[in-house]
Amino acid sequence: MPQLTTPTARVRTSFLKAMREFADENDAWFNGNSMISEEIRRYGDVWEEPEGFAGYVADVVAAADPATERPAGWVPATVLWYVEGDEWLGRLAIRHAYTPHLLEYGGIVGYEVRPSARRRGHATAMLRAALPVAARLGFERVLVTCDHDNTGSRKVIEACGGVFDDQRGVKLRYWVPTGGPSPAG
């Protein structure tokens, strides 16, 4: 059964196949604004070698540590991979704080499912499994966004309890309850 897990080098072969699927699907993954496109720009040249991939995995795990250096405007983020055995199916990031950009467009939770694993409920399962993690990080609800024309992602968000807030540019904004405690008032 697939599950969210801390990134691990043991899924390297499947991960590399997934990255080729993203490349074959659309150049936007490599030149766009997604989490994957950012990682491809930063690490794509080192993934092929086991040592390079292990370094990448260590950096991804370290992203949750507030002491880790990061680009200006970036916040700590817990990155989890969705895997079944040694098969990499997708990734999910839970950012630890809002920035003006995240509050406007990016949201707190972002997810991506490899092309060959889509339309099987993985994104919904990933987001559902991430909500308790977000609650442990102190979020009562999280902002999750998707492009206005991404019907699949919209359905995922709504299936996880997302309540539509508004549209800003091409982004639809939803608030998803985490089941965490309400802040003291």
C-alpha atoms as a PDB file:
ATOM      1  CA  MET A   1       0.000   0.000   0.000  1.00  0.00           C
ATOM      2  CA  PRO A   2       1.477   3.413  -0.916  1.00  0.00           C
ATOM      3  CA  GLN A   3       2.464   5.740   1.897  1.00  0.00           C
ATOM      4  CA  LEU A   4       4.082   9.079   2.576  1.00  0.00           C
ATOM      5  CA  THR A   5       7.648   8.640   3.761  1.00  0.00           C
ATOM      6  CA  THR A   6      10.786  10.617   4.384  1.00  0.00           C
ATOM      7  CA  PRO A   7      12.788  10.831   1.129  1.00  0.00           C
ATOM      8  CA  THR A   8      15.129   7.882   0.704  1.00  0.00           C
ATOM      9  CA  ALA A   9      17.867   6.937  -1.753  1.00  0.00           C
ATOM     10  CA  ARG A  10      16.432   3.405  -2.079  1.00  0.00           C
ATOM     11  CA  VAL A  11      13.855   4.635  -4.620  1.00  0.00           C
ATOM     12  CA  ARG A  12      16.470   6.290  -6.878  1.00  0.00           C
ATOM     13  CA  THR A  13      15.827   4.092  -9.951  1.00  0.00           C
ATOM     14  CA  SER A  14      12.086   4.703  -9.860  1.00  0.00           C
ATOM     15  CA  PHE A  15      12.573   8.398  -9.059  1.00  0.00           C
ATOM     16  CA  LEU A  16      14.772   8.844 -12.150  1.00  0.00           C
ATOM     17  CA  LYS A  17      12.149   7.108 -14.316  1.00  0.00           C
ATOM     18  CA  ALA A  18       9.511   9.455 -12.884  1.00  0.00           C
ATOM     19  CA  MET A  19      11.631  12.514 -13.730  1.00  0.00           C
ATOM     20  CA  ARG A  20      11.910  11.253 -17.322  1.00  0.00           C
ATOM     21  CA  GLU A  21       8.115  10.905 -17.384  1.00  0.00           C
ATOM     22  CA  PHE A  22       7.744  14.516 -16.282  1.00  0.00           C
ATOM     23  CA  ALA A  23      10.220  15.556 -19.003  1.00  0.00           C
ATOM     24  CA  ASP A  24       8.380  13.586 -21.667  1.00  0.00           C
ATOM     25  CA  GLU A  25       5.045  15.006 -20.571  1.00  0.00           C
ATOM     26  CA  ASN A  26       5.752  18.690 -20.680  1.00  0.00           C
ATOM     27  CA  ASP A  27       8.723  21.016 -20.767  1.00  0.00           C
ATOM     28  CA  ALA A  28       6.966  23.160 -18.141  1.00  0.00           C
ATOM     29  CA  TRP A  29       8.138  20.711 -15.455  1.00  0.00           C
ATOM     30  CA  PHE A  30      11.695  21.655 -16.311  1.00  0.00           C
ATOM     31  CA  ASN A  31      11.277  25.329 -17.117  1.00  0.00           C
ATOM     32  CA  GLY A  32       8.250  26.135 -15.028  1.00  0.00           C
ATOM     33  CA  ASN A  33       7.472  27.130 -11.495  1.00  0.00           C
ATOM     34  CA  SER A  34       6.782  23.737  -9.910  1.00  0.00           C
ATOM     35  CA  MET A  35       8.657  22.132  -7.031  1.00  0.00           C
ATOM     36  CA  ILE A  36       9.970  19.518  -9.441  1.00  0.00           C
ATOM     37  CA  SER A  37      11.217  22.069 -11.959  1.00  0.00           C
ATOM     38  CA  GLU A  38      13.154  23.843  -9.201  1.00  0.00           C
ATOM     39  CA  GLU A  39      14.772  20.612  -8.071  1.00  0.00           C
ATOM     40  CA  ILE A  40      15.604  19.605 -11.634  1.00  0.00           C
ATOM     41  CA  ARG A  41      17.370  22.922 -12.192  1.00  0.00           C
ATOM     42  CA  ARG A  42      19.279  22.550  -8.947  1.00  0.00           C
ATOM     43  CA  TYR A  43      20.020  18.806  -8.824  1.00  0.00           C
ATOM     44  CA  GLY A  44      19.250  17.258 -12.217  1.00  0.00           C
ATOM     45  CA  ASP A  45      22.917  17.011 -13.160  1.00  0.00           C
ATOM     46  CA  VAL A  46      23.828  14.963 -10.056  1.00  0.00           C
ATOM     47  CA  TRP A  47      20.898  12.526  -9.788  1.00  0.00           C
ATOM     48  CA  GLU A  48      22.368   9.944 -12.155  1.00  0.00           C
ATOM     49  CA  GLU A  49      25.208   9.100  -9.753  1.00  0.00           C
ATOM     50  CA  PRO A  50      24.257   7.331  -6.510  1.00  0.00           C
ATOM     51  CA  GLU A  51      26.401   9.697  -4.423  1.00  0.00           C
ATOM     52  CA  GLY A  52      24.826  12.738  -6.049  1.00  0.00           C
ATOM     53  CA  PHE A  53      21.355  11.369  -5.480  1.00  0.00           C
ATOM     54  CA  ALA A  54      22.166  10.634  -1.817  1.00  0.00           C
ATOM     55  CA  GLY A  55      23.313  14.252  -1.451  1.00  0.00           C
ATOM     56  CA  TYR A  56      20.078  15.454  -3.030  1.00  0.00           C
ATOM     57  CA  VAL A  57      18.015  13.313  -0.629  1.00  0.00           C
ATOM     58  CA  ALA A  58      19.967  14.697   2.338  1.00  0.00           C
ATOM     59  CA  ASP A  59      19.305  18.264   1.158  1.00  0.00           C
ATOM     60  CA  VAL A  60      15.585  17.574   0.705  1.00  0.00           C
ATOM     61  CA  VAL A  61      15.316  16.137   4.219  1.00  0.00           C
ATOM     62  CA  ALA A  62      17.325  19.068   5.637  1.00  0.00           C
ATOM     63  CA  ALA A  63      14.825  21.521   4.135  1.00  0.00           C
ATOM     64  CA  ALA A  64      12.624  21.008   7.222  1.00  0.00           C
ATOM     65  CA  ASP A  65      15.357  22.278   9.557  1.00  0.00           C
ATOM     66  CA  PRO A  66      15.049  26.025  10.243  1.00  0.00           C
ATOM     67  CA  ALA A  67      18.862  26.219  10.466  1.00  0.00           C
ATOM     68  CA  THR A  68      19.303  25.028   6.864  1.00  0.00           C
ATOM     69  CA  GLU A  69      20.344  27.763   4.443  1.00  0.00           C
ATOM     70  CA  ARG A  70      17.767  28.431   1.772  1.00  0.00           C
ATOM     71  CA  PRO A  71      17.091  31.009  -0.950  1.00  0.00           C
ATOM     72  CA  ALA A  72      15.757  34.382   0.178  1.00  0.00           C
ATOM     73  CA  GLY A  73      12.016  34.271   0.786  1.00  0.00           C
ATOM     74  CA  TRP A  74      11.912  30.479   1.208  1.00  0.00           C
ATOM     75  CA  VAL A  75      10.705  28.909   4.446  1.00  0.00           C
ATOM     76  CA  PRO A  76      11.438  25.507   5.987  1.00  0.00           C
ATOM     77  CA  ALA A  77       9.415  22.731   4.389  1.00  0.00           C
ATOM     78  CA  THR A  78       8.790  19.105   5.227  1.00  0.00           C
ATOM     79  CA  VAL A  79       9.079  17.116   2.012  1.00  0.00           C
ATOM     80  CA  LEU A  80       7.538  13.662   1.889  1.00  0.00           C
ATOM     81  CA  TRP A  81       7.613  11.142  -0.917  1.00  0.00           C
ATOM     82  CA  TYR A  82       4.704   8.909  -1.780  1.00  0.00           C
ATOM     83  CA  VAL A  83       6.073   5.425  -2.411  1.00  0.00           C
ATOM     84  CA  GLU A  84       4.937   1.844  -2.690  1.00  0.00           C
ATOM     85  CA  GLY A  85       7.849  -0.456  -1.958  1.00  0.00           C
ATOM     86  CA  ASP A  86      10.654   0.955  -4.085  1.00  0.00           C
ATOM     87  CA  GLU A  87       8.269   2.685  -6.499  1.00  0.00           C
ATOM     88  CA  TRP A  88       8.304   6.517  -6.334  1.00  0.00           C
ATOM     89  CA  LEU A  89       4.783   7.768  -7.072  1.00  0.00           C
ATOM     90  CA  GLY A  90       4.927  11.429  -6.100  1.00  0.00           C
ATOM     91  CA  ARG A  91       6.032  14.096  -3.677  1.00  0.00           C
ATOM     92  CA  LEU A  92       4.424  16.498  -1.294  1.00  0.00           C
ATOM     93  CA  ALA A  93       5.788  19.535   0.538  1.00  0.00           C
ATOM     94  CA  ILE A  94       4.364  21.169   3.623  1.00  0.00           C
ATOM     95  CA  ARG A  95       5.807  24.624   4.097  1.00  0.00           C
ATOM     96  CA  HIS A  96       6.171  25.649   7.732  1.00  0.00           C
ATOM     97  CA  ALA A  97       5.050  29.281   7.423  1.00  0.00           C
ATOM     98  CA  TYR A  98       3.262  31.649   5.095  1.00  0.00           C
ATOM     99  CA  THR A  99       5.089  34.258   3.058  1.00  0.00           C
ATOM    100  CA  PRO A 100       3.218  36.896   1.056  1.00  0.00           C
ATOM    101  CA  HIS A 101       3.763  34.814  -2.090  1.00  0.00           C
ATOM    102  CA  LEU A 102       2.578  31.572  -0.473  1.00  0.00           C
ATOM    103  CA  LEU A 103      -0.465  33.290   0.970  1.00  0.00           C
ATOM    104  CA  GLU A 104      -1.337  34.755  -2.401  1.00  0.00           C
ATOM    105  CA  TYR A 105      -0.495  31.920  -4.825  1.00  0.00           C
ATOM    106  CA  GLY A 106       1.544  29.009  -3.515  1.00  0.00           C
ATOM    107  CA  GLY A 107      -0.222  27.753  -0.430  1.00  0.00           C
ATOM    108  CA  ILE A 108       1.227  25.657   2.364  1.00  0.00           C
ATOM    109  CA  VAL A 109       0.866  22.224   0.760  1.00  0.00           C
ATOM    110  CA  GLY A 110       2.000  21.369  -2.741  1.00  0.00           C
ATOM    111  CA  TYR A 111       1.973  17.948  -4.386  1.00  0.00           C
ATOM    112  CA  GLU A 112       2.919  16.299  -7.654  1.00  0.00           C
ATOM    113  CA  VAL A 113       2.155  12.781  -8.888  1.00  0.00           C
ATOM    114  CA  ARG A 114       4.250  11.155 -11.601  1.00  0.00           C
ATOM    115  CA  PRO A 115       2.378  10.968 -14.914  1.00  0.00           C
ATOM    116  CA  SER A 116       2.113   7.147 -15.045  1.00  0.00           C
ATOM    117  CA  ALA A 117       0.570   7.059 -11.541  1.00  0.00           C
ATOM    118  CA  ARG A 118      -2.147   9.662 -12.037  1.00  0.00           C
ATOM    119  CA  ARG A 119      -5.910   9.169 -11.892  1.00  0.00           C
ATOM    120  CA  ARG A 120      -5.615   6.431  -9.255  1.00  0.00           C
ATOM    121  CA  GLY A 121      -6.399   8.486  -6.141  1.00  0.00           C
ATOM    122  CA  HIS A 122      -2.778   9.026  -5.116  1.00  0.00           C
ATOM    123  CA  ALA A 123      -2.981  12.829  -4.876  1.00  0.00           C
ATOM    124  CA  THR A 124      -6.074  12.623  -2.670  1.00  0.00           C
ATOM    125  CA  ALA A 125      -4.424  10.020  -0.435  1.00  0.00           C
ATOM    126  CA  MET A 126      -1.250  12.122  -0.228  1.00  0.00           C
ATOM    127  CA  LEU A 127      -3.076  15.297   0.756  1.00  0.00           C
ATOM    128  CA  ARG A 128      -5.225  13.446   3.313  1.00  0.00           C
ATOM    129  CA  ALA A 129      -2.140  11.842   4.866  1.00  0.00           C
ATOM    130  CA  ALA A 130      -0.362  15.212   4.993  1.00  0.00           C
ATOM    131  CA  LEU A 131      -3.083  17.005   6.963  1.00  0.00           C
ATOM    132  CA  PRO A 132      -2.141  15.462  10.341  1.00  0.00           C
ATOM    133  CA  VAL A 133       1.493  16.404   9.654  1.00  0.00           C
ATOM    134  CA  ALA A 134       0.399  19.995   9.008  1.00  0.00           C
ATOM    135  CA  ALA A 135      -1.630  19.896  12.239  1.00  0.00           C
ATOM    136  CA  ARG A 136       1.495  18.817  14.160  1.00  0.00           C
ATOM    137  CA  LEU A 137       3.262  21.815  12.639  1.00  0.00           C
ATOM    138  CA  GLY A 138       0.579  24.012  14.236  1.00  0.00           C
ATOM    139  CA  PHE A 139      -1.820  24.596  11.353  1.00  0.00           C
ATOM    140  CA  GLU A 140      -5.551  24.426  12.049  1.00  0.00           C
ATOM    141  CA  ARG A 141      -6.134  24.789   8.305  1.00  0.00           C
ATOM    142  CA  VAL A 142      -3.846  25.106   5.306  1.00  0.00           C
ATOM    143  CA  LEU A 143      -4.081  27.045   2.088  1.00  0.00           C
ATOM    144  CA  VAL A 144      -3.875  24.796  -0.967  1.00  0.00           C
ATOM    145  CA  THR A 145      -3.967  26.320  -4.434  1.00  0.00           C
ATOM    146  CA  CYS A 146      -4.319  25.031  -7.962  1.00  0.00           C
ATOM    147  CA  ASP A 147      -4.570  26.509 -11.419  1.00  0.00           C
ATOM    148  CA  HIS A 148      -8.136  27.378 -12.421  1.00  0.00           C
ATOM    149  CA  ASP A 149      -8.035  24.854 -15.274  1.00  0.00           C
ATOM    150  CA  ASN A 150      -6.631  21.952 -13.204  1.00  0.00           C
ATOM    151  CA  THR A 151      -9.860  20.052 -12.618  1.00  0.00           C
ATOM    152  CA  GLY A 152      -8.082  17.032 -11.143  1.00  0.00           C
ATOM    153  CA  SER A 153      -6.306  19.043  -8.466  1.00  0.00           C
ATOM    154  CA  ARG A 154      -9.465  20.983  -7.667  1.00  0.00           C
ATOM    155  CA  LYS A 155     -11.300  17.692  -7.088  1.00  0.00           C
ATOM    156  CA  VAL A 156      -8.460  16.445  -4.861  1.00  0.00           C
ATOM    157  CA  ILE A 157      -8.598  19.557  -2.699  1.00  0.00           C
ATOM    158  CA  GLU A 158     -12.386  19.445  -2.413  1.00  0.00           C
ATOM    159  CA  ALA A 159     -12.328  15.700  -1.598  1.00  0.00           C
ATOM    160  CA  CYS A 160     -10.038  16.535   1.338  1.00  0.00           C
ATOM    161  CA  GLY A 161     -12.445  19.123   2.723  1.00  0.00           C
ATOM    162  CA  GLY A 162     -11.113  22.177   0.909  1.00  0.00           C
ATOM    163  CA  VAL A 163     -13.381  25.201   1.058  1.00  0.00           C
ATOM    164  CA  PHE A 164     -13.079  27.580  -1.888  1.00  0.00           C
ATOM    165  CA  ASP A 165     -11.929  31.057  -0.865  1.00  0.00           C
ATOM    166  CA  ASP A 166     -11.285  32.966  -4.082  1.00  0.00           C
ATOM    167  CA  GLN A 167      -9.422  33.145  -7.372  1.00  0.00           C
ATOM    168  CA  ARG A 168      -6.309  35.283  -7.757  1.00  0.00           C
ATOM    169  CA  GLY A 169      -5.055  35.400 -11.291  1.00  0.00           C
ATOM    170  CA  VAL A 170      -5.052  31.814 -12.536  1.00  0.00           C
ATOM    171  CA  LYS A 171      -4.914  30.376  -8.991  1.00  0.00           C
ATOM    172  CA  LEU A 172      -7.899  29.002  -7.110  1.00  0.00           C
ATOM    173  CA  ARG A 173      -7.403  29.253  -3.335  1.00  0.00           C
ATOM    174  CA  TYR A 174      -8.863  26.708  -0.905  1.00  0.00           C
ATOM    175  CA  TRP A 175      -8.630  26.372   2.873  1.00  0.00           C
ATOM    176  CA  VAL A 176      -8.375  22.761   4.030  1.00  0.00           C
ATOM    177  CA  PRO A 177      -8.923  21.864   7.700  1.00  0.00           C
ATOM    178  CA  THR A 178      -6.142  19.776   9.256  1.00  0.00           C
ATOM    179  CA  GLY A 179      -8.021  18.517  12.276  1.00  0.00           C
ATOM    180  CA  GLY A 180      -5.502  20.337  14.440  1.00  0.00           C
ATOM    181  CA  PRO A 181      -6.363  22.448  17.462  1.00  0.00           C
ATOM    182  CA  SER A 182      -7.777  25.921  17.079  1.00  0.00           C
ATOM    183  CA  PRO A 183      -5.331  28.630  18.108  1.00  0.00           C
ATOM    184  CA  ALA A 184      -5.912  30.044  21.586  1.00  0.00           C
ATOM    185  CA  GLY A 185      -7.792  33.296  21.457  1.00  0.00           C
END
